[in-house]
PDB file of N, CA and C in Angstrom:
ATOM      1  N   MET A   1     -27.752 115.219 113.805  1.00  0.00           N
ATOM      2  CA  MET A   1     -26.991 116.447 113.839  1.00  0.00           C
ATOM      3  C   MET A   1     -25.517 116.106 113.646  1.00  0.00           C
ATOM      4  N   SER A   2     -24.859 116.825 112.750  1.00  0.00           N
ATOM      5  CA  SER A   2     -23.453 116.587 112.428  1.00  0.00           C
ATOM      6  C   SER A   2     -22.615 117.795 112.803  1.00  0.00           C
ATOM      7  N   ASN A   3     -21.324 117.554 112.956  1.00  0.00           N
ATOM      8  CA  ASN A   3     -20.354 118.625 113.156  1.00  0.00           C
ATOM      9  C   ASN A   3     -19.689 118.895 111.819  1.00  0.00           C
ATOM     10  N   ILE A   4     -19.717 120.155 111.374  1.00  0.00           N
ATOM     11  CA  ILE A   4     -19.143 120.535 110.085  1.00  0.00           C
ATOM     12  C   ILE A   4     -18.107 121.615 110.299  1.00  0.00           C
ATOM     13  N   ILE A   5     -16.916 121.417 109.727  1.00  0.00           N
ATOM     14  CA  ILE A   5     -15.880 122.449 109.723  1.00  0.00           C
ATOM     15  C   ILE A   5     -15.677 122.874 108.278  1.00  0.00           C
ATOM     16  N   ILE A   6     -15.805 124.163 108.029  1.00  0.00           N
ATOM     17  CA  ILE A   6     -15.587 124.714 106.695  1.00  0.00           C
ATOM     18  C   ILE A   6     -14.209 125.372 106.706  1.00  0.00           C
ATOM     19  N   LEU A   7     -13.315 124.901 105.841  1.00  0.00           N
ATOM     20  CA  LEU A   7     -11.973 125.461 105.739  1.00  0.00           C
ATOM     21  C   LEU A   7     -11.920 126.378 104.524  1.00  0.00           C
ATOM     22  N   THR A   8     -11.552 127.646 104.735  1.00  0.00           N
ATOM     23  CA  THR A   8     -11.389 128.573 103.619  1.00  0.00           C
ATOM     24  C   THR A   8      -9.911 128.887 103.467  1.00  0.00           C
ATOM     25  N   GLY A   9      -9.436 128.878 102.228  1.00  0.00           N
ATOM     26  CA  GLY A   9      -8.013 129.046 101.975  1.00  0.00           C
ATOM     27  C   GLY A   9      -7.621 130.407 101.443  1.00  0.00           C
ATOM     28  N   SER A  10      -8.544 131.335 101.352  1.00  0.00           N
ATOM     29  CA  SER A  10      -8.241 132.655 100.814  1.00  0.00           C
ATOM     30  C   SER A  10      -7.640 133.552 101.891  1.00  0.00           C
ATOM     31  N   MET A  11      -6.675 134.367 101.496  1.00  0.00           N
ATOM     32  CA  MET A  11      -6.076 135.320 102.432  1.00  0.00           C
ATOM     33  C   MET A  11      -6.942 136.573 102.587  1.00  0.00           C
ATOM     34  N   ARG A  12      -7.923 136.747 101.713  1.00  0.00           N
ATOM     35  CA  ARG A  12      -8.845 137.883 101.814  1.00  0.00           C
ATOM     36  C   ARG A  12      -9.969 137.506 102.766  1.00  0.00           C
ATOM     37  N   LYS A  13      -9.913 138.054 103.954  1.00  0.00           N
ATOM     38  CA  LYS A  13     -10.827 137.653 105.018  1.00  0.00           C
ATOM     39  C   LYS A  13     -12.296 137.946 104.702  1.00  0.00           C
ATOM     40  N   ASN A  14     -12.578 138.977 103.938  1.00  0.00           N
ATOM     41  CA  ASN A  14     -13.965 139.329 103.606  1.00  0.00           C
ATOM     42  C   ASN A  14     -14.236 139.199 102.115  1.00  0.00           C
ATOM     43  N   GLY A  15     -13.534 138.293 101.452  1.00  0.00           N
ATOM     44  CA  GLY A  15     -13.679 138.119 100.006  1.00  0.00           C
ATOM     45  C   GLY A  15     -14.829 137.196  99.639  1.00  0.00           C
ATOM     46  N   ASN A  16     -14.857 136.827  98.362  1.00  0.00           N
ATOM     47  CA  ASN A  16     -15.932 135.984  97.844  1.00  0.00           C
ATOM     48  C   ASN A  16     -15.945 134.602  98.493  1.00  0.00           C
ATOM     49  N   THR A  17     -14.770 134.046  98.755  1.00  0.00           N
ATOM     50  CA  THR A  17     -14.704 132.725  99.381  1.00  0.00           C
ATOM     51  C   THR A  17     -15.320 132.756 100.770  1.00  0.00           C
ATOM     52  N   ALA A  18     -15.010 133.781 101.535  1.00  0.00           N
ATOM     53  CA  ALA A  18     -15.573 133.913 102.881  1.00  0.00           C
ATOM     54  C   ALA A  18     -17.091 134.094 102.816  1.00  0.00           C
ATOM     55  N   LEU A  19     -17.554 134.868 101.855  1.00  0.00           N
ATOM     56  CA  LEU A  19     -18.991 135.084 101.692  1.00  0.00           C
ATOM     57  C   LEU A  19     -19.703 133.771 101.344  1.00  0.00           C
ATOM     58  N   LEU A  20     -19.134 133.023 100.410  1.00  0.00           N
ATOM     59  CA  LEU A  20     -19.717 131.743 100.020  1.00  0.00           C
ATOM     60  C   LEU A  20     -19.724 130.762 101.197  1.00  0.00           C
ATOM     61  N   ALA A  21     -18.612 130.715 101.932  1.00  0.00           N
ATOM     62  CA  ALA A  21     -18.538 129.827 103.099  1.00  0.00           C
ATOM     63  C   ALA A  21     -19.567 130.221 104.156  1.00  0.00           C
ATOM     64  N   GLN A  22     -19.755 131.522 104.371  1.00  0.00           N
ATOM     65  CA  GLN A  22     -20.726 131.987 105.363  1.00  0.00           C
ATOM     66  C   GLN A  22     -22.152 131.628 104.960  1.00  0.00           C
ATOM     67  N   ARG A  23     -22.464 131.783 103.680  1.00  0.00           N
ATOM     68  CA  ARG A  23     -23.809 131.425 103.191  1.00  0.00           C
ATOM     69  C   ARG A  23     -24.057 129.926 103.367  1.00  0.00           C
ATOM     70  N   PHE A  24     -23.044 129.118 103.055  1.00  0.00           N
ATOM     71  CA  PHE A  24     -23.187 127.680 103.241  1.00  0.00           C
ATOM     72  C   PHE A  24     -23.385 127.362 104.716  1.00  0.00           C
ATOM     73  N   ALA A  25     -22.594 128.015 105.578  1.00  0.00           N
ATOM     74  CA  ALA A  25     -22.690 127.778 107.021  1.00  0.00           C
ATOM     75  C   ALA A  25     -24.067 128.170 107.544  1.00  0.00           C
ATOM     76  N   ASP A  26     -24.608 129.271 107.042  1.00  0.00           N
ATOM     77  CA  ASP A  26     -25.945 129.689 107.478  1.00  0.00           C
ATOM     78  C   ASP A  26     -26.987 128.626 107.163  1.00  0.00           C
ATOM     79  N   GLY A  27     -26.912 128.052 105.973  1.00  0.00           N
ATOM     80  CA  GLY A  27     -27.866 127.027 105.592  1.00  0.00           C
ATOM     81  C   GLY A  27     -27.647 125.721 106.346  1.00  0.00           C
ATOM     82  N   ALA A  28     -26.388 125.361 106.539  1.00  0.00           N
ATOM     83  CA  ALA A  28     -26.080 124.093 107.201  1.00  0.00           C
ATOM     84  C   ALA A  28     -26.305 124.167 108.705  1.00  0.00           C
ATOM     85  N   ALA A  29     -26.286 125.351 109.283  1.00  0.00           N
ATOM     86  CA  ALA A  29     -26.415 125.502 110.733  1.00  0.00           C
ATOM     87  C   ALA A  29     -27.823 125.206 111.240  1.00  0.00           C
ATOM     88  N   VAL A  30     -28.778 125.063 110.336  1.00  0.00           N
ATOM     89  CA  VAL A  30     -30.148 124.780 110.753  1.00  0.00           C
ATOM     90  C   VAL A  30     -30.218 123.460 111.519  1.00  0.00           C
ATOM     91  N   ASN A  31     -29.519 122.444 111.045  1.00  0.00           N
ATOM     92  CA  ASN A  31     -29.573 121.128 111.675  1.00  0.00           C
ATOM     93  C   ASN A  31     -28.208 120.606 112.098  1.00  0.00           C
ATOM     94  N   ASN A  32     -27.170 121.436 112.065  1.00  0.00           N
ATOM     95  CA  ASN A  32     -25.806 120.974 112.330  1.00  0.00           C
ATOM     96  C   ASN A  32     -25.021 121.998 113.138  1.00  0.00           C
ATOM     97  N   ASN A  33     -23.920 121.543 113.724  1.00  0.00           N
ATOM     98  CA  ASN A  33     -22.953 122.437 114.355  1.00  0.00           C
ATOM     99  C   ASN A  33     -21.920 122.799 113.299  1.00  0.00           C
ATOM    100  N   VAL A  34     -21.773 124.087 113.011  1.00  0.00           N
ATOM    101  CA  VAL A  34     -20.902 124.531 111.924  1.00  0.00           C
ATOM    102  C   VAL A  34     -19.855 125.494 112.467  1.00  0.00           C
ATOM    103  N   ASP A  35     -18.604 125.309 112.025  1.00  0.00           N
ATOM    104  CA  ASP A  35     -17.519 126.214 112.387  1.00  0.00           C
ATOM    105  C   ASP A  35     -16.733 126.532 111.123  1.00  0.00           C
ATOM    106  N   ILE A  36     -16.371 127.807 110.928  1.00  0.00           N
ATOM    107  CA  ILE A  36     -15.582 128.225 109.774  1.00  0.00           C
ATOM    108  C   ILE A  36     -14.166 128.520 110.256  1.00  0.00           C
ATOM    109  N   VAL A  37     -13.184 127.920 109.583  1.00  0.00           N
ATOM    110  CA  VAL A  37     -11.777 128.148 109.890  1.00  0.00           C
ATOM    111  C   VAL A  37     -11.142 128.763 108.653  1.00  0.00           C
ATOM    112  N   SER A  38     -10.537 129.943 108.809  1.00  0.00           N
ATOM    113  CA  SER A  38      -9.942 130.665 107.690  1.00  0.00           C
ATOM    114  C   SER A  38      -8.427 130.706 107.830  1.00  0.00           C
ATOM    115  N   VAL A  39      -7.729 130.481 106.718  1.00  0.00           N
ATOM    116  CA  VAL A  39      -6.272 130.558 106.728  1.00  0.00           C
ATOM    117  C   VAL A  39      -5.806 132.001 106.990  1.00  0.00           C
ATOM    118  N   ALA A  40      -6.688 132.965 106.738  1.00  0.00           N
ATOM    119  CA  ALA A  40      -6.350 134.369 106.977  1.00  0.00           C
ATOM    120  C   ALA A  40      -6.152 134.654 108.468  1.00  0.00           C
ATOM    121  N   ASP A  41      -6.638 133.768 109.323  1.00  0.00           N
ATOM    122  CA  ASP A  41      -6.473 133.945 110.765  1.00  0.00           C
ATOM    123  C   ASP A  41      -5.125 133.450 111.268  1.00  0.00           C
ATOM    124  N   TYR A  42      -4.347 132.833 110.396  1.00  0.00           N
ATOM    125  CA  TYR A  42      -3.065 132.254 110.786  1.00  0.00           C
ATOM    126  C   TYR A  42      -1.936 132.888 109.995  1.00  0.00           C
ATOM    127  N   LYS A  43      -0.777 132.969 110.597  1.00  0.00           N
ATOM    128  CA  LYS A  43       0.393 133.488 109.908  1.00  0.00           C
ATOM    129  C   LYS A  43       0.992 132.354 109.084  1.00  0.00           C
ATOM    130  N   VAL A  44       1.079 132.571 107.782  1.00  0.00           N
ATOM    131  CA  VAL A  44       1.626 131.562 106.881  1.00  0.00           C
ATOM    132  C   VAL A  44       2.905 132.116 106.281  1.00  0.00           C
ATOM    133  N   ASN A  45       4.012 131.405 106.482  1.00  0.00           N
ATOM    134  CA  ASN A  45       5.313 131.835 105.998  1.00  0.00           C
ATOM    135  C   ASN A  45       5.867 130.738 105.095  1.00  0.00           C
ATOM    136  N   PRO A  46       6.040 131.009 103.797  1.00  0.00           N
ATOM    137  CA  PRO A  46       6.468 129.953 102.883  1.00  0.00           C
ATOM    138  C   PRO A  46       7.846 129.376 103.189  1.00  0.00           C
ATOM    139  N   ARG A  47       8.682 130.084 103.946  1.00  0.00           N
ATOM    140  CA  ARG A  47      10.002 129.542 104.280  1.00  0.00           C
ATOM    141  C   ARG A  47       9.889 128.325 105.183  1.00  0.00           C
ATOM    142  N   PHE A  48       8.794 128.207 105.893  1.00  0.00           N
ATOM    143  CA  PHE A  48       8.585 127.078 106.795  1.00  0.00           C
ATOM    144  C   PHE A  48       7.453 126.190 106.278  1.00  0.00           C
ATOM    145  N   ALA A  49       7.413 125.990 104.959  1.00  0.00           N
ATOM    146  CA  ALA A  49       6.290 125.287 104.340  1.00  0.00           C
ATOM    147  C   ALA A  49       6.100 123.880 104.904  1.00  0.00           C
ATOM    148  N   LEU A  50       7.168 123.141 105.054  1.00  0.00           N
ATOM    149  CA  LEU A  50       7.016 121.774 105.551  1.00  0.00           C
ATOM    150  C   LEU A  50       6.516 121.769 106.990  1.00  0.00           C
ATOM    151  N   TYR A  51       7.104 122.633 107.825  1.00  0.00           N
ATOM    152  CA  TYR A  51       6.658 122.737 109.214  1.00  0.00           C
ATOM    153  C   TYR A  51       5.189 123.139 109.274  1.00  0.00           C
ATOM    154  N   LEU A  52       4.813 124.138 108.467  1.00  0.00           N
ATOM    155  CA  LEU A  52       3.433 124.603 108.483  1.00  0.00           C
ATOM    156  C   LEU A  52       2.470 123.546 107.983  1.00  0.00           C
ATOM    157  N   HIS A  53       2.933 122.762 107.012  1.00  0.00           N
ATOM    158  CA  HIS A  53       2.076 121.687 106.499  1.00  0.00           C
ATOM    159  C   HIS A  53       1.680 120.740 107.632  1.00  0.00           C
ATOM    160  N   PHE A  54       2.659 120.295 108.407  1.00  0.00           N
ATOM    161  CA  PHE A  54       2.352 119.388 109.503  1.00  0.00           C
ATOM    162  C   PHE A  54       1.617 120.095 110.631  1.00  0.00           C
ATOM    163  N   LYS A  55       1.931 121.374 110.864  1.00  0.00           N
ATOM    164  CA  LYS A  55       1.227 122.121 111.894  1.00  0.00           C
ATOM    165  C   LYS A  55      -0.239 122.291 111.520  1.00  0.00           C
ATOM    166  N   ARG A  56      -0.524 122.561 110.245  1.00  0.00           N
ATOM    167  CA  ARG A  56      -1.917 122.706 109.811  1.00  0.00           C
ATOM    168  C   ARG A  56      -2.672 121.396 109.981  1.00  0.00           C
ATOM    169  N   ILE A  57      -2.027 120.285 109.656  1.00  0.00           N
ATOM    170  CA  ILE A  57      -2.685 118.994 109.852  1.00  0.00           C
ATOM    171  C   ILE A  57      -3.003 118.806 111.330  1.00  0.00           C
ATOM    172  N   TYR A  58      -2.037 119.141 112.193  1.00  0.00           N
ATOM    173  CA  TYR A  58      -2.271 119.039 113.636  1.00  0.00           C
ATOM    174  C   TYR A  58      -3.417 119.962 114.054  1.00  0.00           C
ATOM    175  N   ASP A  59      -3.420 121.201 113.544  1.00  0.00           N
ATOM    176  CA  ASP A  59      -4.477 122.163 113.898  1.00  0.00           C
ATOM    177  C   ASP A  59      -5.850 121.669 113.448  1.00  0.00           C
ATOM    178  N   ILE A  60      -5.916 121.104 112.252  1.00  0.00           N
ATOM    179  CA  ILE A  60      -7.194 120.595 111.753  1.00  0.00           C
ATOM    180  C   ILE A  60      -7.670 119.437 112.622  1.00  0.00           C
ATOM    181  N   LEU A  61      -6.762 118.528 112.954  1.00  0.00           N
ATOM    182  CA  LEU A  61      -7.143 117.410 113.813  1.00  0.00           C
ATOM    183  C   LEU A  61      -7.568 117.907 115.187  1.00  0.00           C
ATOM    184  N   TYR A  62      -6.883 118.925 115.698  1.00  0.00           N
ATOM    185  CA  TYR A  62      -7.256 119.508 116.989  1.00  0.00           C
ATOM    186  C   TYR A  62      -8.672 120.067 116.919  1.00  0.00           C
ATOM    187  N   LEU A  63      -8.975 120.794 115.824  1.00  0.00           N
ATOM    188  CA  LEU A  63     -10.322 121.356 115.685  1.00  0.00           C
ATOM    189  C   LEU A  63     -11.378 120.262 115.622  1.00  0.00           C
ATOM    190  N   ILE A  64     -11.074 119.211 114.893  1.00  0.00           N
ATOM    191  CA  ILE A  64     -12.060 118.131 114.734  1.00  0.00           C
ATOM    192  C   ILE A  64     -12.331 117.447 116.066  1.00  0.00           C
ATOM    193  N   PHE A  65     -11.286 117.147 116.817  1.00  0.00           N
ATOM    194  CA  PHE A  65     -11.466 116.334 118.004  1.00  0.00           C
ATOM    195  C   PHE A  65     -11.718 117.112 119.296  1.00  0.00           C
ATOM    196  N   TYR A  66     -11.289 118.377 119.370  1.00  0.00           N
ATOM    197  CA  TYR A  66     -11.398 119.094 120.628  1.00  0.00           C
ATOM    198  C   TYR A  66     -12.256 120.344 120.588  1.00  0.00           C
ATOM    199  N   ARG A  67     -12.317 121.037 119.449  1.00  0.00           N
ATOM    200  CA  ARG A  67     -13.034 122.309 119.411  1.00  0.00           C
ATOM    201  C   ARG A  67     -14.525 122.118 119.145  1.00  0.00           C
ATOM    202  N   MET A  68     -14.857 121.191 118.255  1.00  0.00           N
ATOM    203  CA  MET A  68     -16.268 120.967 117.943  1.00  0.00           C
ATOM    204  C   MET A  68     -16.931 120.229 119.092  1.00  0.00           C
ATOM    205  N   PRO A  69     -18.154 120.637 119.458  1.00  0.00           N
ATOM    206  CA  PRO A  69     -18.848 119.966 120.571  1.00  0.00           C
ATOM    207  C   PRO A  69     -19.261 118.551 120.223  1.00  0.00           C
TER     208      PRO A  69
END
């Protein structure tokens, strides 16, 4: 059993990317722990691009090491 994090980068929360990610998660969840993380759930401001870049890396590492069982 593996831990899988699916990162979606679309700002459209219910768009095609989210649908595709959900279908993949449904199939992968049979034998794995699956979590979907969407950029649409976070406030992204291009004026702070460098700060957000490092914050996203921190958030991803946090999800990998602390959120997944």
